[in-house]
């Protein structure tokens, strides 16, 4: 690593960078998400980053946002968790240990805030699944996501 990384909590001033990083991370394989509609992407980023108890983190390298985690603090009977809605690393920074370092920074901050854990969902057939498993996340056998198209 020949640059300086800064872990920070993201506020509204980062919204354009957050949207562009998210678009670049998910437009290619294996997701192929079409975020060509700037207004739609901006509204999505506002929705997920401005929820009640939102907590958004970023990793900045030489003034550039290279990783982001958008989520919220959620209270549950087992404890209060950091629920990650979206997490991504800039495509040109992937496979260099950035994601693992970023996840470690998130975990340290979550512990510092006295939260019980980190919760997220991902597709089991995507590389993100292997990334999270490698970084210590376990499957919740009894938890199922359901969807119905209308």
C-alpha atoms as a PDB file:
ATOM      1  CA  UNK A   1       0.000   0.000   0.000  1.00  0.00           C
ATOM      2  CA  UNK A   2       1.692   3.200  -1.169  1.00  0.00           C
ATOM      3  CA  UNK A   3      -1.060   5.620  -0.172  1.00  0.00           C
ATOM      4  CA  UNK A   4      -2.678   6.816   3.028  1.00  0.00           C
ATOM      5  CA  UNK A   5      -6.043   5.356   4.049  1.00  0.00           C
ATOM      6  CA  UNK A   6      -8.411   7.290   6.301  1.00  0.00           C
ATOM      7  CA  UNK A   7     -11.442   5.624   7.881  1.00  0.00           C
ATOM      8  CA  UNK A   8     -14.282   8.092   8.397  1.00  0.00           C
ATOM      9  CA  UNK A   9     -17.970   8.385   9.093  1.00  0.00           C
ATOM     10  CA  UNK A  10     -19.658   9.629   5.915  1.00  0.00           C
ATOM     11  CA  UNK A  11     -22.030  12.585   5.893  1.00  0.00           C
ATOM     12  CA  UNK A  12     -24.081  14.273   3.144  1.00  0.00           C
ATOM     13  CA  UNK A  13     -21.037  15.939   1.609  1.00  0.00           C
ATOM     14  CA  UNK A  14     -19.943  12.487   0.401  1.00  0.00           C
ATOM     15  CA  UNK A  15     -23.255  11.613  -1.296  1.00  0.00           C
ATOM     16  CA  UNK A  16     -22.052  12.204  -4.910  1.00  0.00           C
ATOM     17  CA  UNK A  17     -18.902  10.137  -4.278  1.00  0.00           C
ATOM     18  CA  UNK A  18     -20.940   7.422  -2.572  1.00  0.00           C
ATOM     19  CA  UNK A  19     -23.293   7.186  -5.554  1.00  0.00           C
ATOM     20  CA  UNK A  20     -20.469   7.038  -8.092  1.00  0.00           C
ATOM     21  CA  UNK A  21     -18.528   4.418  -6.123  1.00  0.00           C
ATOM     22  CA  UNK A  22     -21.662   2.319  -5.724  1.00  0.00           C
ATOM     23  CA  UNK A  23     -22.432   2.573  -9.465  1.00  0.00           C
ATOM     24  CA  UNK A  24     -18.904   1.558 -10.449  1.00  0.00           C
ATOM     25  CA  UNK A  25     -18.794  -1.352  -8.004  1.00  0.00           C
ATOM     26  CA  UNK A  26     -22.076  -2.911  -9.114  1.00  0.00           C
ATOM     27  CA  UNK A  27     -22.279  -2.172 -12.839  1.00  0.00           C
ATOM     28  CA  UNK A  28     -19.931  -4.982 -13.819  1.00  0.00           C
ATOM     29  CA  UNK A  29     -19.848  -8.734 -13.337  1.00  0.00           C
ATOM     30  CA  UNK A  30     -21.323 -10.538 -11.532  1.00  0.00           C
ATOM     31  CA  UNK A  31     -24.082  -8.042 -10.608  1.00  0.00           C
ATOM     32  CA  UNK A  32     -24.588  -6.084 -13.847  1.00  0.00           C
ATOM     33  CA  UNK A  33     -26.802  -3.512 -12.113  1.00  0.00           C
ATOM     34  CA  UNK A  34     -27.952  -0.732 -14.436  1.00  0.00           C
ATOM     35  CA  UNK A  35     -27.625   2.486 -12.445  1.00  0.00           C
ATOM     36  CA  UNK A  36     -27.508   4.720 -15.529  1.00  0.00           C
ATOM     37  CA  UNK A  37     -30.409   6.801 -14.198  1.00  0.00           C
ATOM     38  CA  UNK A  38     -28.588   9.367 -12.032  1.00  0.00           C
ATOM     39  CA  UNK A  39     -31.767  10.543 -10.309  1.00  0.00           C
ATOM     40  CA  UNK A  40     -32.755   6.981  -9.376  1.00  0.00           C
ATOM     41  CA  UNK A  41     -29.264   6.256  -8.013  1.00  0.00           C
ATOM     42  CA  UNK A  42     -29.185   9.491  -6.011  1.00  0.00           C
ATOM     43  CA  UNK A  43     -32.575   8.761  -4.466  1.00  0.00           C
ATOM     44  CA  UNK A  44     -31.498   5.193  -3.599  1.00  0.00           C
ATOM     45  CA  UNK A  45     -28.332   6.447  -1.892  1.00  0.00           C
ATOM     46  CA  UNK A  46     -30.336   9.046   0.040  1.00  0.00           C
ATOM     47  CA  UNK A  47     -32.866   6.406   1.147  1.00  0.00           C
ATOM     48  CA  UNK A  48     -30.306   3.972   2.474  1.00  0.00           C
ATOM     49  CA  UNK A  49     -27.905   6.533   3.918  1.00  0.00           C
ATOM     50  CA  UNK A  50     -30.509   8.720   5.665  1.00  0.00           C
ATOM     51  CA  UNK A  51     -32.531   6.117   7.523  1.00  0.00           C
ATOM     52  CA  UNK A  52     -33.353   6.423  11.204  1.00  0.00           C
ATOM     53  CA  UNK A  53     -30.113   5.731  13.127  1.00  0.00           C
ATOM     54  CA  UNK A  54     -28.096   5.670   9.887  1.00  0.00           C
ATOM     55  CA  UNK A  55     -24.396   4.920  10.216  1.00  0.00           C
ATOM     56  CA  UNK A  56     -22.246   5.183   7.105  1.00  0.00           C
ATOM     57  CA  UNK A  57     -18.528   4.569   6.870  1.00  0.00           C
ATOM     58  CA  UNK A  58     -15.980   5.244   4.180  1.00  0.00           C
ATOM     59  CA  UNK A  59     -12.361   4.573   3.428  1.00  0.00           C
ATOM     60  CA  UNK A  60     -10.565   7.467   1.755  1.00  0.00           C
ATOM     61  CA  UNK A  61      -7.250   7.036  -0.067  1.00  0.00           C
ATOM     62  CA  UNK A  62      -5.480  10.160  -1.307  1.00  0.00           C
ATOM     63  CA  UNK A  63      -8.741  12.124  -1.212  1.00  0.00           C
ATOM     64  CA  UNK A  64     -10.767   9.450  -3.054  1.00  0.00           C
ATOM     65  CA  UNK A  65     -13.559   7.334  -1.573  1.00  0.00           C
ATOM     66  CA  UNK A  66     -12.444   3.751  -2.250  1.00  0.00           C
ATOM     67  CA  UNK A  67     -14.814   1.798   0.033  1.00  0.00           C
ATOM     68  CA  UNK A  68     -18.156   2.459   1.648  1.00  0.00           C
ATOM     69  CA  UNK A  69     -20.535   0.836   4.062  1.00  0.00           C
ATOM     70  CA  UNK A  70     -24.055   2.206   4.300  1.00  0.00           C
ATOM     71  CA  UNK A  71     -26.218   1.008   7.160  1.00  0.00           C
ATOM     72  CA  UNK A  72     -27.949   1.716  10.416  1.00  0.00           C
ATOM     73  CA  UNK A  73     -27.880   0.954  14.091  1.00  0.00           C
ATOM     74  CA  UNK A  74     -30.767  -1.399  14.809  1.00  0.00           C
ATOM     75  CA  UNK A  75     -32.035  -2.485  18.210  1.00  0.00           C
ATOM     76  CA  UNK A  76     -32.980  -6.119  18.615  1.00  0.00           C
ATOM     77  CA  UNK A  77     -33.818  -8.304  21.600  1.00  0.00           C
ATOM     78  CA  UNK A  78     -30.375  -9.964  21.391  1.00  0.00           C
ATOM     79  CA  UNK A  79     -28.589  -6.605  21.336  1.00  0.00           C
ATOM     80  CA  UNK A  80     -27.974  -3.543  19.209  1.00  0.00           C
ATOM     81  CA  UNK A  81     -26.277  -4.205  15.885  1.00  0.00           C
ATOM     82  CA  UNK A  82     -24.820  -2.387  12.916  1.00  0.00           C
ATOM     83  CA  UNK A  83     -26.947  -3.518   9.974  1.00  0.00           C
ATOM     84  CA  UNK A  84     -25.116  -3.073   6.680  1.00  0.00           C
ATOM     85  CA  UNK A  85     -27.412  -2.267   3.776  1.00  0.00           C
ATOM     86  CA  UNK A  86     -24.670  -1.901   1.151  1.00  0.00           C
ATOM     87  CA  UNK A  87     -20.905  -2.362   1.207  1.00  0.00           C
ATOM     88  CA  UNK A  88     -18.524  -2.020  -1.708  1.00  0.00           C
ATOM     89  CA  UNK A  89     -14.931  -1.385  -2.718  1.00  0.00           C
ATOM     90  CA  UNK A  90     -13.846   0.468  -5.859  1.00  0.00           C
ATOM     91  CA  UNK A  91     -13.270  -2.084  -8.641  1.00  0.00           C
ATOM     92  CA  UNK A  92      -9.635  -1.012  -9.176  1.00  0.00           C
ATOM     93  CA  UNK A  93      -8.953  -1.519  -5.456  1.00  0.00           C
ATOM     94  CA  UNK A  94     -10.469  -4.998  -5.120  1.00  0.00           C
ATOM     95  CA  UNK A  95      -8.318  -8.088  -4.470  1.00  0.00           C
ATOM     96  CA  UNK A  96      -5.689  -5.988  -2.677  1.00  0.00           C
ATOM     97  CA  UNK A  97      -6.860  -6.470   0.914  1.00  0.00           C
ATOM     98  CA  UNK A  98      -8.781  -3.170   1.033  1.00  0.00           C
ATOM     99  CA  UNK A  99     -12.118  -4.845   1.795  1.00  0.00           C
ATOM    100  CA  UNK A 100     -10.690  -6.906   4.634  1.00  0.00           C
ATOM    101  CA  UNK A 101      -8.943  -3.889   6.172  1.00  0.00           C
ATOM    102  CA  UNK A 102     -12.119  -1.831   5.803  1.00  0.00           C
ATOM    103  CA  UNK A 103     -14.207  -4.566   7.442  1.00  0.00           C
ATOM    104  CA  UNK A 104     -11.715  -4.679  10.320  1.00  0.00           C
ATOM    105  CA  UNK A 105     -12.027  -0.917  10.774  1.00  0.00           C
ATOM    106  CA  UNK A 106     -15.821  -1.177  10.766  1.00  0.00           C
ATOM    107  CA  UNK A 107     -15.692  -3.947  13.373  1.00  0.00           C
ATOM    108  CA  UNK A 108     -13.373  -1.916  15.598  1.00  0.00           C
ATOM    109  CA  UNK A 109     -15.684   1.111  15.380  1.00  0.00           C
ATOM    110  CA  UNK A 110     -18.762  -1.008  16.071  1.00  0.00           C
ATOM    111  CA  UNK A 111     -17.066  -2.449  19.177  1.00  0.00           C
ATOM    112  CA  UNK A 112     -15.995   1.032  20.292  1.00  0.00           C
ATOM    113  CA  UNK A 113     -19.629   2.147  20.094  1.00  0.00           C
ATOM    114  CA  UNK A 114     -20.693  -0.780  22.274  1.00  0.00           C
ATOM    115  CA  UNK A 115     -22.716  -2.559  19.593  1.00  0.00           C
ATOM    116  CA  UNK A 116     -23.226  -6.326  19.784  1.00  0.00           C
ATOM    117  CA  UNK A 117     -22.533  -7.280  16.176  1.00  0.00           C
ATOM    118  CA  UNK A 118     -22.793  -6.672  12.453  1.00  0.00           C
ATOM    119  CA  UNK A 119     -25.681  -7.991  10.375  1.00  0.00           C
ATOM    120  CA  UNK A 120     -25.946  -8.083   6.584  1.00  0.00           C
ATOM    121  CA  UNK A 121     -27.472 -10.019   3.723  1.00  0.00           C
ATOM    122  CA  UNK A 122     -25.831 -11.094   0.474  1.00  0.00           C
ATOM    123  CA  UNK A 123     -26.402 -13.528  -2.362  1.00  0.00           C
ATOM    124  CA  UNK A 124     -24.811 -16.930  -1.764  1.00  0.00           C
ATOM    125  CA  UNK A 125     -23.825 -17.211  -5.444  1.00  0.00           C
ATOM    126  CA  UNK A 126     -21.790 -13.978  -5.551  1.00  0.00           C
ATOM    127  CA  UNK A 127     -18.135 -13.324  -4.629  1.00  0.00           C
ATOM    128  CA  UNK A 128     -19.333 -11.159  -1.730  1.00  0.00           C
ATOM    129  CA  UNK A 129     -20.536 -14.313   0.043  1.00  0.00           C
ATOM    130  CA  UNK A 130     -17.014 -15.769   0.056  1.00  0.00           C
ATOM    131  CA  UNK A 131     -15.584 -12.395   1.140  1.00  0.00           C
ATOM    132  CA  UNK A 132     -17.887 -12.184   4.173  1.00  0.00           C
ATOM    133  CA  UNK A 133     -17.291 -15.815   5.143  1.00  0.00           C
ATOM    134  CA  UNK A 134     -13.520 -15.235   4.906  1.00  0.00           C
ATOM    135  CA  UNK A 135     -13.941 -12.202   7.171  1.00  0.00           C
ATOM    136  CA  UNK A 136     -15.635 -14.140   9.963  1.00  0.00           C
ATOM    137  CA  UNK A 137     -19.340 -13.874   9.122  1.00  0.00           C
ATOM    138  CA  UNK A 138     -21.513 -16.926   9.711  1.00  0.00           C
ATOM    139  CA  UNK A 139     -24.757 -17.950   8.069  1.00  0.00           C
ATOM    140  CA  UNK A 140     -27.913 -17.732  10.139  1.00  0.00           C
ATOM    141  CA  UNK A 141     -29.515 -21.090   9.379  1.00  0.00           C
ATOM    142  CA  UNK A 142     -32.989 -20.106  10.553  1.00  0.00           C
ATOM    143  CA  UNK A 143     -33.003 -16.741   8.726  1.00  0.00           C
ATOM    144  CA  UNK A 144     -34.659 -16.669   5.305  1.00  0.00           C
ATOM    145  CA  UNK A 145     -35.234 -13.769   2.929  1.00  0.00           C
ATOM    146  CA  UNK A 146     -38.546 -13.862   1.100  1.00  0.00           C
ATOM    147  CA  UNK A 147     -39.757 -11.876  -1.901  1.00  0.00           C
ATOM    148  CA  UNK A 148     -42.929 -11.766  -3.955  1.00  0.00           C
ATOM    149  CA  UNK A 149     -43.115  -9.947  -7.267  1.00  0.00           C
ATOM    150  CA  UNK A 150     -46.371  -8.046  -7.744  1.00  0.00           C
END
